[in-house]
Amino acid sequence: MDFMDNEVDLFNDLNDESSEIYKKNLNKTNVFIEKLNLASSKRKILKSSARISGTVDDILININHGTAPNLVHDIFKNLFKDNNMCLLCNSTRTSLEKAHCNIYPRPELLKIAIENNWTDEDTSIPIIDIIMDFINLHGILCPIYPLCKECHKRYDKYSKKRS
């Protein structure tokens, strides 16, 4: 049985919190985050004292376009440095993309991070607290998978059809 015959089962495993592939990659993501030691990072955004207030949805809209996606891309850029094989098709011909597990889309993870820090719309929250929670949630709830571009597209398309 090749990848195409087994594709639906593999995609389901990527979205199944009890599957071995999910658990293994969640652990790998978590270990990677812990080794980064973000608290001592030199990234300017992680040293910022900027604060934000408003409703959870207003904060989400504000942070989700720019800050959060760019930082996640930057932080996880070396996650698969030692692995050049697509998790699904085993291809080594192309560079790998960081496929976000589709149980919790990125905006939903960010919303959880905001809610973890939110008191009310008048109380300002340090943006760094939201961002740190957001990054850590990738190692707690939602692994990042090494997929080639083609498999990443198919995985996202499959997940969208199911939701």
Protein backbone atom coordinates (compact mmCIF):
# COMPACT_ATOMS: atom_id res chain seq x y z
CA MET A 1 0.00 0.00 0.00
CA ASP A 2 1.50 3.34 -1.00
CA PHE A 3 0.96 6.82 0.38
CA MET A 4 -2.00 7.64 -1.89
CA ASP A 5 -3.92 4.53 -0.78
CA ASN A 6 -3.27 5.34 2.86
CA GLU A 7 -3.60 9.14 2.65
CA VAL A 8 -6.88 9.52 4.56
CA ASP A 9 -5.64 7.32 7.41
CA LEU A 10 -2.41 9.33 7.64
CA PHE A 11 -4.27 12.66 7.63
CA ASN A 12 -6.59 11.37 10.34
CA ASP A 13 -3.59 10.32 12.43
CA LEU A 14 -2.14 13.84 12.16
CA ASN A 15 -5.38 15.15 13.69
CA ASP A 16 -5.79 12.40 16.29
CA GLU A 17 -4.42 13.31 19.72
CA SER A 18 -4.16 9.64 20.62
CA SER A 19 -2.14 8.59 17.54
CA GLU A 20 1.57 7.83 17.84
CA ILE A 21 2.49 10.24 15.04
CA TYR A 22 0.65 13.06 16.83
CA LYS A 23 2.20 12.28 20.22
CA LYS A 24 5.71 11.90 18.79
CA ASN A 25 5.58 15.22 16.92
CA LEU A 26 3.93 17.01 19.83
CA ASN A 27 6.82 15.88 22.03
CA LYS A 28 9.37 16.91 19.39
CA THR A 29 7.74 20.34 19.10
CA ASN A 30 7.69 20.74 22.89
CA VAL A 31 11.34 19.71 23.29
CA PHE A 32 12.30 22.15 20.53
CA ILE A 33 10.46 25.00 22.30
CA GLU A 34 12.08 24.17 25.65
CA LYS A 35 15.57 24.12 24.10
CA LEU A 36 14.99 27.54 22.53
CA ASN A 37 14.88 29.12 25.99
CA LEU A 38 12.73 31.97 24.74
CA ALA A 39 13.03 33.84 28.03
CA SER A 40 16.66 34.61 27.21
CA SER A 41 16.03 35.24 23.50
CA LYS A 42 17.53 38.29 21.80
CA ARG A 43 14.47 38.74 19.55
CA LYS A 44 13.21 42.30 20.03
CA ILE A 45 9.55 41.29 20.05
CA LEU A 46 10.22 39.03 23.03
CA LYS A 47 11.78 41.92 24.95
CA SER A 48 8.99 44.40 24.22
CA SER A 49 6.96 45.89 27.05
CA ALA A 50 4.07 46.78 24.71
CA ARG A 51 0.62 46.06 26.04
CA ILE A 52 -2.77 45.60 24.42
CA SER A 53 -6.36 45.85 25.62
CA GLY A 54 -9.81 45.33 24.17
CA THR A 55 -12.12 42.42 23.60
CA VAL A 56 -10.59 39.00 22.97
CA ASP A 57 -11.67 39.21 19.31
CA ASP A 58 -10.19 42.71 18.87
CA ILE A 59 -6.87 41.57 20.30
CA LEU A 60 -6.96 38.46 18.11
CA ILE A 61 -7.49 40.52 14.96
CA ASN A 62 -4.68 42.86 15.98
CA ILE A 63 -2.05 40.22 16.77
CA ASN A 64 -3.02 37.57 14.21
CA HIS A 65 -2.03 39.69 11.21
CA GLY A 66 1.73 40.06 11.35
CA THR A 67 3.18 39.56 14.80
CA ALA A 68 2.08 36.01 15.61
CA PRO A 69 2.48 34.31 12.19
CA ASN A 70 5.83 36.00 11.53
CA LEU A 71 7.21 35.09 14.94
CA VAL A 72 6.04 31.47 14.70
CA HIS A 73 7.67 31.16 11.27
CA ASP A 74 10.90 32.63 12.64
CA ILE A 75 10.96 30.56 15.83
CA PHE A 76 10.21 27.24 14.17
CA LYS A 77 12.40 27.74 11.08
CA ASN A 78 15.03 25.27 12.39
CA LEU A 79 12.62 22.70 13.80
CA PHE A 80 13.38 20.25 10.97
CA LYS A 81 17.02 21.19 10.44
CA ASP A 82 18.13 17.59 11.04
CA ASN A 83 15.28 16.01 9.11
CA ASN A 84 14.80 16.38 5.37
CA MET A 85 12.08 13.76 4.86
CA CYS A 86 8.38 14.43 4.46
CA LEU A 87 6.45 12.71 7.24
CA LEU A 88 3.78 11.48 4.81
CA CYS A 89 5.34 10.60 1.45
CA ASN A 90 8.96 10.22 2.66
CA SER A 91 10.17 12.48 -0.14
CA THR A 92 13.57 14.09 0.28
CA ARG A 93 13.46 15.92 -3.07
CA THR A 94 12.10 19.22 -1.77
CA SER A 95 12.51 21.39 1.25
CA LEU A 96 10.04 20.84 4.04
CA GLU A 97 7.30 23.13 5.19
CA LYS A 98 6.14 23.47 8.76
CA ALA A 99 2.59 22.11 8.70
CA HIS A 100 0.54 23.26 11.64
CA CYS A 101 -1.71 20.53 13.02
CA ASN A 102 -5.26 21.19 11.91
CA ILE A 103 -7.03 20.37 15.16
CA TYR A 104 -6.31 23.87 16.37
CA PRO A 105 -5.89 26.34 13.51
CA ARG A 106 -3.36 29.06 14.28
CA PRO A 107 -6.02 31.72 15.08
CA GLU A 108 -7.70 29.34 17.53
CA LEU A 109 -4.39 28.69 19.35
CA LEU A 110 -3.79 32.43 19.49
CA LYS A 111 -7.28 32.97 20.88
CA ILE A 112 -6.60 30.41 23.63
CA ALA A 113 -3.38 32.27 24.49
CA ILE A 114 -5.27 35.58 24.65
CA GLU A 115 -8.00 34.06 26.83
CA ASN A 116 -5.32 32.65 29.18
CA ASN A 117 -4.15 36.22 29.81
CA TRP A 118 -7.36 38.24 29.42
CA THR A 119 -9.19 39.74 32.40
CA ASP A 120 -11.54 42.25 30.78
CA GLU A 121 -11.47 44.66 27.86
CA ASP A 122 -10.15 47.52 30.00
CA THR A 123 -7.19 45.63 31.47
CA SER A 124 -4.12 45.74 29.25
CA ILE A 125 -2.08 42.59 28.68
CA PRO A 126 1.64 42.47 27.88
CA ILE A 127 1.77 41.29 24.27
CA ILE A 128 4.78 39.16 25.12
CA ASP A 129 2.67 37.12 27.57
CA ILE A 130 0.20 36.28 24.80
CA ILE A 131 2.98 35.46 22.33
CA MET A 132 4.83 33.22 24.80
CA ASP A 133 1.63 31.30 25.59
CA PHE A 134 0.90 31.03 21.87
CA ILE A 135 4.31 29.53 21.14
CA ASN A 136 4.13 27.16 24.11
CA LEU A 137 0.68 25.93 23.06
CA HIS A 138 2.29 24.46 19.95
CA GLY A 139 4.12 22.03 22.22
CA ILE A 140 1.09 21.36 24.43
CA LEU A 141 -1.84 21.11 22.02
CA CYS A 142 -0.77 21.30 18.42
CA PRO A 143 2.38 19.77 16.92
CA ILE A 144 4.12 21.03 13.82
CA TYR A 145 4.74 18.43 11.13
CA PRO A 146 7.51 18.23 8.50
CA LEU A 147 5.66 18.01 5.18
CA CYS A 148 6.67 18.67 1.60
CA LYS A 149 4.70 21.40 -0.16
CA GLU A 150 2.42 18.94 -1.99
CA CYS A 151 1.55 16.91 1.12
CA HIS A 152 1.03 20.10 3.12
CA LYS A 153 -1.47 21.37 0.54
CA ARG A 154 -3.34 18.05 0.50
CA TYR A 155 -3.38 17.83 4.30
CA ASP A 156 -4.82 21.36 4.63
CA LYS A 157 -7.36 20.72 1.86
CA TYR A 158 -8.44 17.45 3.49
CA SER A 159 -8.83 19.12 6.89
CA LYS A 160 -10.88 21.98 5.42
CA LYS A 161 -13.25 19.52 3.76
CA ARG A 162 -13.84 17.79 7.09
CA SER A 163 -14.63 20.95 9.03
